[in-house]
């Protein structure tokens, strides 16, 4: 226990900055004309990347825990809505909002703690409500420019440094992305782990959340 400068056993709250990040997964069913149509293995996992305001590149949705009554998982949901979601999404009901399923990493350094969650979002290719998808589109807002569903086979080829962008070696999909670079290792690190676990049939790494976190009114 940390003691006060006077030497008493009264606990001292150390200054700390807390962050939540969300690695969001969509299980996207591919349309197929083959005899295997409808096969649950005939699918393509996709993950959310957020295009932050230039010159910051693409990253996971996330940010600071804003007040002491906000839990890390609620911060992850809020940041996902602010940075990745269509601005009118919350008006369409709770079924359209992301949910966090696992705590996949907890990182702590002096004065800083960071929570990384695995989350899930519905397959918005199959929506028929007349509103379109769940993700933010350009020109975006003050939080971000846009968000995209991107497969691991594309994410693994996005460089960490904007100076390493080489459009001649990129797929047509990445060449059509604006500013195709990652501002940190996190999309590679966590999406690779989630992709590997799914492909090999292993359990998702991390701590499962005991229950789906309800979406409070302050997230709307």
C-alpha atoms as a PDB file:
ATOM      1  CA  UNK A   1       0.000   0.000   0.000  1.00  0.00           C
ATOM      2  CA  UNK A   2       1.279   3.466  -0.841  1.00  0.00           C
ATOM      3  CA  UNK A   3       1.551   5.669   2.221  1.00  0.00           C
ATOM      4  CA  UNK A   4       1.165   9.396   2.566  1.00  0.00           C
ATOM      5  CA  UNK A   5       4.240  11.654   2.888  1.00  0.00           C
ATOM      6  CA  UNK A   6       3.638  11.834   6.621  1.00  0.00           C
ATOM      7  CA  UNK A   7       4.288   8.104   6.894  1.00  0.00           C
ATOM      8  CA  UNK A   8       0.751   7.135   7.869  1.00  0.00           C
ATOM      9  CA  UNK A   9      -1.001   4.128   6.345  1.00  0.00           C
ATOM     10  CA  UNK A  10      -3.656   6.308   4.746  1.00  0.00           C
ATOM     11  CA  UNK A  11      -3.799   5.234   1.066  1.00  0.00           C
ATOM     12  CA  UNK A  12      -2.749   7.753  -1.535  1.00  0.00           C
ATOM     13  CA  UNK A  13      -4.429   7.759  -4.925  1.00  0.00           C
ATOM     14  CA  UNK A  14      -1.706   7.911  -7.555  1.00  0.00           C
ATOM     15  CA  UNK A  15      -2.423  10.090 -10.591  1.00  0.00           C
ATOM     16  CA  UNK A  16      -3.404   7.941 -13.530  1.00  0.00           C
ATOM     17  CA  UNK A  17      -4.667   8.440 -17.066  1.00  0.00           C
ATOM     18  CA  UNK A  18      -7.015   5.658 -18.199  1.00  0.00           C
ATOM     19  CA  UNK A  19      -7.872   4.658 -21.756  1.00  0.00           C
ATOM     20  CA  UNK A  20     -10.165   2.140 -23.427  1.00  0.00           C
ATOM     21  CA  UNK A  21      -9.696   0.698 -26.915  1.00  0.00           C
ATOM     22  CA  UNK A  22     -12.074  -1.560 -28.833  1.00  0.00           C
ATOM     23  CA  UNK A  23     -11.124  -4.271 -31.349  1.00  0.00           C
ATOM     24  CA  UNK A  24     -14.463  -4.659 -33.138  1.00  0.00           C
ATOM     25  CA  UNK A  25     -15.335  -7.804 -35.113  1.00  0.00           C
ATOM     26  CA  UNK A  26     -18.047  -8.384 -37.706  1.00  0.00           C
ATOM     27  CA  UNK A  27     -18.768 -11.866 -38.986  1.00  0.00           C
ATOM     28  CA  UNK A  28     -19.672 -11.107 -42.577  1.00  0.00           C
ATOM     29  CA  UNK A  29     -21.535 -13.778 -44.509  1.00  0.00           C
ATOM     30  CA  UNK A  30     -20.417 -13.865 -48.132  1.00  0.00           C
ATOM     31  CA  UNK A  31     -22.958 -14.253 -50.868  1.00  0.00           C
ATOM     32  CA  UNK A  32     -22.163 -17.345 -52.898  1.00  0.00           C
ATOM     33  CA  UNK A  33     -23.684 -19.147 -55.832  1.00  0.00           C
ATOM     34  CA  UNK A  34     -21.870 -22.376 -54.990  1.00  0.00           C
ATOM     35  CA  UNK A  35     -23.437 -25.513 -53.585  1.00  0.00           C
ATOM     36  CA  UNK A  36     -21.956 -24.526 -50.221  1.00  0.00           C
ATOM     37  CA  UNK A  37     -24.128 -21.446 -49.967  1.00  0.00           C
ATOM     38  CA  UNK A  38     -25.182 -20.984 -46.363  1.00  0.00           C
ATOM     39  CA  UNK A  39     -22.184 -22.899 -45.009  1.00  0.00           C
ATOM     40  CA  UNK A  40     -21.240 -21.108 -41.747  1.00  0.00           C
ATOM     41  CA  UNK A  41     -17.562 -21.519 -42.672  1.00  0.00           C
ATOM     42  CA  UNK A  42     -18.113 -19.631 -45.943  1.00  0.00           C
ATOM     43  CA  UNK A  43     -17.635 -16.250 -44.311  1.00  0.00           C
ATOM     44  CA  UNK A  44     -15.129 -13.434 -44.097  1.00  0.00           C
ATOM     45  CA  UNK A  45     -14.304 -11.800 -40.796  1.00  0.00           C
ATOM     46  CA  UNK A  46     -13.937  -8.064 -40.903  1.00  0.00           C
ATOM     47  CA  UNK A  47     -12.684  -5.566 -38.365  1.00  0.00           C
ATOM     48  CA  UNK A  48     -13.243  -1.872 -37.715  1.00  0.00           C
ATOM     49  CA  UNK A  49     -10.569   0.695 -38.446  1.00  0.00           C
ATOM     50  CA  UNK A  50     -11.131   4.394 -37.818  1.00  0.00           C
ATOM     51  CA  UNK A  51      -9.581   7.097 -39.998  1.00  0.00           C
ATOM     52  CA  UNK A  52      -8.536   9.689 -37.465  1.00  0.00           C
ATOM     53  CA  UNK A  53      -8.154  13.320 -38.371  1.00  0.00           C
ATOM     54  CA  UNK A  54      -5.078  13.743 -40.623  1.00  0.00           C
ATOM     55  CA  UNK A  55      -2.199  13.354 -40.209  1.00  0.00           C
ATOM     56  CA  UNK A  56      -2.925  10.546 -37.681  1.00  0.00           C
ATOM     57  CA  UNK A  57      -3.769   7.665 -40.028  1.00  0.00           C
ATOM     58  CA  UNK A  58      -6.027   4.715 -39.079  1.00  0.00           C
ATOM     59  CA  UNK A  59      -6.424   3.047 -35.692  1.00  0.00           C
ATOM     60  CA  UNK A  60      -8.793   1.263 -33.324  1.00  0.00           C
ATOM     61  CA  UNK A  61     -11.673   3.261 -31.874  1.00  0.00           C
ATOM     62  CA  UNK A  62     -10.723   4.398 -28.403  1.00  0.00           C
ATOM     63  CA  UNK A  63      -9.867   7.200 -26.033  1.00  0.00           C
ATOM     64  CA  UNK A  64      -9.807   8.360 -22.467  1.00  0.00           C
ATOM     65  CA  UNK A  65     -12.173   7.368 -19.667  1.00  0.00           C
ATOM     66  CA  UNK A  66     -13.779  10.737 -19.119  1.00  0.00           C
ATOM     67  CA  UNK A  67     -15.076  10.675 -15.543  1.00  0.00           C
ATOM     68  CA  UNK A  68     -14.763   8.531 -12.436  1.00  0.00           C
ATOM     69  CA  UNK A  69     -18.260   7.056 -12.796  1.00  0.00           C
ATOM     70  CA  UNK A  70     -17.570   5.749 -16.306  1.00  0.00           C
ATOM     71  CA  UNK A  71     -16.445   2.121 -16.453  1.00  0.00           C
ATOM     72  CA  UNK A  72     -13.742   1.032 -18.921  1.00  0.00           C
ATOM     73  CA  UNK A  73     -16.223  -1.054 -20.927  1.00  0.00           C
ATOM     74  CA  UNK A  74     -18.700   1.811 -21.170  1.00  0.00           C
ATOM     75  CA  UNK A  75     -15.859   4.067 -22.304  1.00  0.00           C
ATOM     76  CA  UNK A  76     -15.029   1.541 -25.032  1.00  0.00           C
ATOM     77  CA  UNK A  77     -18.647   1.558 -26.241  1.00  0.00           C
ATOM     78  CA  UNK A  78     -18.869   5.354 -26.107  1.00  0.00           C
ATOM     79  CA  UNK A  79     -15.594   5.835 -27.981  1.00  0.00           C
ATOM     80  CA  UNK A  80     -16.674   3.331 -30.630  1.00  0.00           C
ATOM     81  CA  UNK A  81     -19.902   5.261 -31.150  1.00  0.00           C
ATOM     82  CA  UNK A  82     -18.131   8.624 -31.255  1.00  0.00           C
ATOM     83  CA  UNK A  83     -15.337   7.601 -33.597  1.00  0.00           C
ATOM     84  CA  UNK A  84     -16.733   4.777 -35.741  1.00  0.00           C
ATOM     85  CA  UNK A  85     -20.535   4.998 -35.832  1.00  0.00           C
ATOM     86  CA  UNK A  86     -22.936   6.848 -38.062  1.00  0.00           C
ATOM     87  CA  UNK A  87     -23.943   9.922 -35.994  1.00  0.00           C
ATOM     88  CA  UNK A  88     -27.632   8.922 -36.057  1.00  0.00           C
ATOM     89  CA  UNK A  89     -27.035   5.300 -35.114  1.00  0.00           C
ATOM     90  CA  UNK A  90     -28.093   5.561 -31.464  1.00  0.00           C
ATOM     91  CA  UNK A  91     -31.535   6.785 -32.565  1.00  0.00           C
ATOM     92  CA  UNK A  92     -32.133   3.430 -34.265  1.00  0.00           C
ATOM     93  CA  UNK A  93     -32.180   1.467 -30.997  1.00  0.00           C
ATOM     94  CA  UNK A  94     -29.901  -0.653 -28.844  1.00  0.00           C
ATOM     95  CA  UNK A  95     -29.832  -3.541 -31.322  1.00  0.00           C
ATOM     96  CA  UNK A  96     -27.656  -1.417 -33.602  1.00  0.00           C
ATOM     97  CA  UNK A  97     -25.013  -0.636 -30.998  1.00  0.00           C
ATOM     98  CA  UNK A  98     -21.740  -2.523 -30.478  1.00  0.00           C
ATOM     99  CA  UNK A  99     -21.225  -4.769 -27.463  1.00  0.00           C
ATOM    100  CA  UNK A 100     -18.013  -5.706 -25.700  1.00  0.00           C
ATOM    101  CA  UNK A 101     -17.435  -9.439 -25.132  1.00  0.00           C
ATOM    102  CA  UNK A 102     -13.881  -9.867 -23.737  1.00  0.00           C
ATOM    103  CA  UNK A 103     -11.141  -7.915 -22.025  1.00  0.00           C
ATOM    104  CA  UNK A 104      -8.187  -8.958 -24.196  1.00  0.00           C
ATOM    105  CA  UNK A 105      -5.416  -6.810 -22.759  1.00  0.00           C
ATOM    106  CA  UNK A 106      -4.698  -4.705 -19.692  1.00  0.00           C
ATOM    107  CA  UNK A 107      -1.580  -2.561 -19.850  1.00  0.00           C
ATOM    108  CA  UNK A 108      -0.290  -0.470 -16.982  1.00  0.00           C
ATOM    109  CA  UNK A 109       2.677   1.845 -16.741  1.00  0.00           C
ATOM    110  CA  UNK A 110       3.492   4.593 -14.260  1.00  0.00           C
ATOM    111  CA  UNK A 111       0.557   6.984 -14.288  1.00  0.00           C
ATOM    112  CA  UNK A 112      -1.232   5.230 -17.165  1.00  0.00           C
ATOM    113  CA  UNK A 113      -3.549   2.266 -17.613  1.00  0.00           C
ATOM    114  CA  UNK A 114      -5.109   0.997 -20.831  1.00  0.00           C
ATOM    115  CA  UNK A 115      -7.952  -1.493 -21.344  1.00  0.00           C
ATOM    116  CA  UNK A 116      -8.384  -3.240 -24.717  1.00  0.00           C
ATOM    117  CA  UNK A 117     -11.689  -4.994 -25.355  1.00  0.00           C
ATOM    118  CA  UNK A 118     -12.932  -7.327 -28.048  1.00  0.00           C
ATOM    119  CA  UNK A 119     -16.296  -6.165 -29.317  1.00  0.00           C
ATOM    120  CA  UNK A 120     -18.908  -7.312 -31.808  1.00  0.00           C
ATOM    121  CA  UNK A 121     -21.138  -5.358 -34.161  1.00  0.00           C
ATOM    122  CA  UNK A 122     -23.984  -6.530 -36.349  1.00  0.00           C
ATOM    123  CA  UNK A 123     -23.505  -7.381 -40.020  1.00  0.00           C
ATOM    124  CA  UNK A 124     -24.771  -4.152 -41.552  1.00  0.00           C
ATOM    125  CA  UNK A 125     -24.606  -5.543 -45.098  1.00  0.00           C
ATOM    126  CA  UNK A 126     -27.821  -7.380 -44.283  1.00  0.00           C
ATOM    127  CA  UNK A 127     -29.830  -4.461 -42.913  1.00  0.00           C
ATOM    128  CA  UNK A 128     -33.116  -3.687 -44.611  1.00  0.00           C
ATOM    129  CA  UNK A 129     -34.278  -0.744 -42.513  1.00  0.00           C
ATOM    130  CA  UNK A 130     -33.640   1.937 -45.138  1.00  0.00           C
ATOM    131  CA  UNK A 131     -30.921   3.676 -43.091  1.00  0.00           C
ATOM    132  CA  UNK A 132     -27.786   2.051 -44.514  1.00  0.00           C
ATOM    133  CA  UNK A 133     -24.766   0.817 -42.582  1.00  0.00           C
ATOM    134  CA  UNK A 134     -23.646   1.473 -39.025  1.00  0.00           C
ATOM    135  CA  UNK A 135     -20.271   3.077 -39.768  1.00  0.00           C
ATOM    136  CA  UNK A 136     -19.378   6.734 -40.136  1.00  0.00           C
ATOM    137  CA  UNK A 137     -18.888   8.047 -43.657  1.00  0.00           C
ATOM    138  CA  UNK A 138     -16.801  10.987 -44.951  1.00  0.00           C
ATOM    139  CA  UNK A 139     -16.478  13.867 -44.315  1.00  0.00           C
ATOM    140  CA  UNK A 140     -17.041  12.722 -40.737  1.00  0.00           C
ATOM    141  CA  UNK A 141     -16.880  15.117 -37.804  1.00  0.00           C
ATOM    142  CA  UNK A 142     -14.469  16.430 -35.210  1.00  0.00           C
ATOM    143  CA  UNK A 143     -13.784  12.948 -33.812  1.00  0.00           C
ATOM    144  CA  UNK A 144     -12.839  11.171 -37.053  1.00  0.00           C
ATOM    145  CA  UNK A 145     -13.176  11.204 -40.836  1.00  0.00           C
ATOM    146  CA  UNK A 146     -14.718   7.765 -41.374  1.00  0.00           C
ATOM    147  CA  UNK A 147     -14.620   4.111 -40.348  1.00  0.00           C
ATOM    148  CA  UNK A 148     -14.351   0.983 -42.483  1.00  0.00           C
ATOM    149  CA  UNK A 149     -14.850  -2.776 -42.219  1.00  0.00           C
ATOM    150  CA  UNK A 150     -11.556  -4.304 -43.365  1.00  0.00           C
ATOM    151  CA  UNK A 151     -10.446  -7.938 -43.567  1.00  0.00           C
ATOM    152  CA  UNK A 152      -7.247  -9.190 -41.962  1.00  0.00           C
ATOM    153  CA  UNK A 153      -5.754  -9.972 -45.371  1.00  0.00           C
ATOM    154  CA  UNK A 154      -5.819  -6.203 -46.028  1.00  0.00           C
ATOM    155  CA  UNK A 155      -4.988  -4.930 -42.527  1.00  0.00           C
ATOM    156  CA  UNK A 156      -1.760  -6.934 -42.346  1.00  0.00           C
ATOM    157  CA  UNK A 157      -0.418  -5.008 -45.346  1.00  0.00           C
ATOM    158  CA  UNK A 158      -1.113  -1.511 -44.012  1.00  0.00           C
ATOM    159  CA  UNK A 159       2.204   0.094 -42.907  1.00  0.00           C
ATOM    160  CA  UNK A 160       2.813   1.615 -39.459  1.00  0.00           C
ATOM    161  CA  UNK A 161       4.465   4.716 -40.887  1.00  0.00           C
ATOM    162  CA  UNK A 162       3.055   7.057 -43.520  1.00  0.00           C
ATOM    163  CA  UNK A 163       6.565   7.315 -44.996  1.00  0.00           C
ATOM    164  CA  UNK A 164       6.388   3.577 -45.818  1.00  0.00           C
ATOM    165  CA  UNK A 165       3.274   3.853 -47.989  1.00  0.00           C
ATOM    166  CA  UNK A 166       3.978   2.216 -51.346  1.00  0.00           C
ATOM    167  CA  UNK A 167       0.805   2.218 -53.417  1.00  0.00           C
ATOM    168  CA  UNK A 168       2.419   0.111 -56.155  1.00  0.00           C
ATOM    169  CA  UNK A 169       2.597  -2.838 -53.745  1.00  0.00           C
ATOM    170  CA  UNK A 170      -0.873  -2.315 -52.290  1.00  0.00           C
ATOM    171  CA  UNK A 171      -4.105  -4.029 -53.260  1.00  0.00           C
ATOM    172  CA  UNK A 172      -6.716  -1.976 -55.134  1.00  0.00           C
ATOM    173  CA  UNK A 173      -8.716  -1.767 -51.887  1.00  0.00           C
ATOM    174  CA  UNK A 174      -5.831  -0.162 -49.970  1.00  0.00           C
ATOM    175  CA  UNK A 175      -4.924   2.132 -52.853  1.00  0.00           C
ATOM    176  CA  UNK A 176      -8.460   3.510 -52.668  1.00  0.00           C
ATOM    177  CA  UNK A 177      -8.144   4.234 -48.935  1.00  0.00           C
ATOM    178  CA  UNK A 178      -7.209   7.775 -48.057  1.00  0.00           C
ATOM    179  CA  UNK A 179      -4.021   7.992 -45.983  1.00  0.00           C
ATOM    180  CA  UNK A 180      -3.484   4.174 -45.697  1.00  0.00           C
ATOM    181  CA  UNK A 181      -1.203   3.854 -42.673  1.00  0.00           C
ATOM    182  CA  UNK A 182      -1.639   2.820 -39.016  1.00  0.00           C
ATOM    183  CA  UNK A 183      -0.614   5.158 -36.229  1.00  0.00           C
ATOM    184  CA  UNK A 184       0.239   2.262 -33.912  1.00  0.00           C
ATOM    185  CA  UNK A 185       0.790  -1.495 -33.738  1.00  0.00           C
ATOM    186  CA  UNK A 186      -2.525  -2.252 -32.030  1.00  0.00           C
ATOM    187  CA  UNK A 187      -4.632  -3.149 -35.113  1.00  0.00           C
ATOM    188  CA  UNK A 188      -1.959  -5.620 -36.236  1.00  0.00           C
ATOM    189  CA  UNK A 189      -1.398  -7.053 -32.756  1.00  0.00           C
ATOM    190  CA  UNK A 190      -4.986  -7.614 -31.664  1.00  0.00           C
ATOM    191  CA  UNK A 191      -6.700  -8.347 -34.962  1.00  0.00           C
ATOM    192  CA  UNK A 192      -4.024 -10.900 -35.833  1.00  0.00           C
ATOM    193  CA  UNK A 193      -4.642 -12.678 -32.522  1.00  0.00           C
ATOM    194  CA  UNK A 194      -8.413 -12.674 -33.030  1.00  0.00           C
ATOM    195  CA  UNK A 195      -8.043 -13.892 -36.611  1.00  0.00           C
ATOM    196  CA  UNK A 196      -5.727 -16.729 -35.546  1.00  0.00           C
ATOM    197  CA  UNK A 197      -8.062 -17.839 -32.742  1.00  0.00           C
ATOM    198  CA  UNK A 198     -11.016 -18.013 -35.121  1.00  0.00           C
ATOM    199  CA  UNK A 199      -9.171 -19.805 -37.907  1.00  0.00           C
ATOM    200  CA  UNK A 200      -7.735 -22.440 -35.587  1.00  0.00           C
ATOM    201  CA  UNK A 201     -10.940 -22.919 -33.607  1.00  0.00           C
ATOM    202  CA  UNK A 202      -9.273 -21.850 -30.376  1.00  0.00           C
ATOM    203  CA  UNK A 203     -11.004 -19.941 -27.606  1.00  0.00           C
ATOM    204  CA  UNK A 204     -10.829 -16.182 -27.810  1.00  0.00           C
ATOM    205  CA  UNK A 205      -7.961 -15.065 -25.617  1.00  0.00           C
ATOM    206  CA  UNK A 206      -8.711 -12.744 -22.730  1.00  0.00           C
ATOM    207  CA  UNK A 207     -11.255 -12.475 -19.950  1.00  0.00           C
ATOM    208  CA  UNK A 208     -14.900 -12.987 -21.025  1.00  0.00           C
ATOM    209  CA  UNK A 209     -17.264 -10.362 -19.706  1.00  0.00           C
ATOM    210  CA  UNK A 210     -19.850 -12.005 -17.472  1.00  0.00           C
ATOM    211  CA  UNK A 211     -22.778 -10.297 -19.144  1.00  0.00           C
ATOM    212  CA  UNK A 212     -23.517  -7.973 -21.995  1.00  0.00           C
ATOM    213  CA  UNK A 213     -23.125  -4.446 -20.713  1.00  0.00           C
ATOM    214  CA  UNK A 214     -26.340  -2.468 -20.959  1.00  0.00           C
ATOM    215  CA  UNK A 215     -26.230   0.769 -22.897  1.00  0.00           C
ATOM    216  CA  UNK A 216     -27.111   3.624 -20.596  1.00  0.00           C
ATOM    217  CA  UNK A 217     -28.965   6.700 -21.697  1.00  0.00           C
ATOM    218  CA  UNK A 218     -25.789   8.786 -21.569  1.00  0.00           C
ATOM    219  CA  UNK A 219     -24.481   6.862 -24.598  1.00  0.00           C
ATOM    220  CA  UNK A 220     -27.338   8.109 -26.790  1.00  0.00           C
END
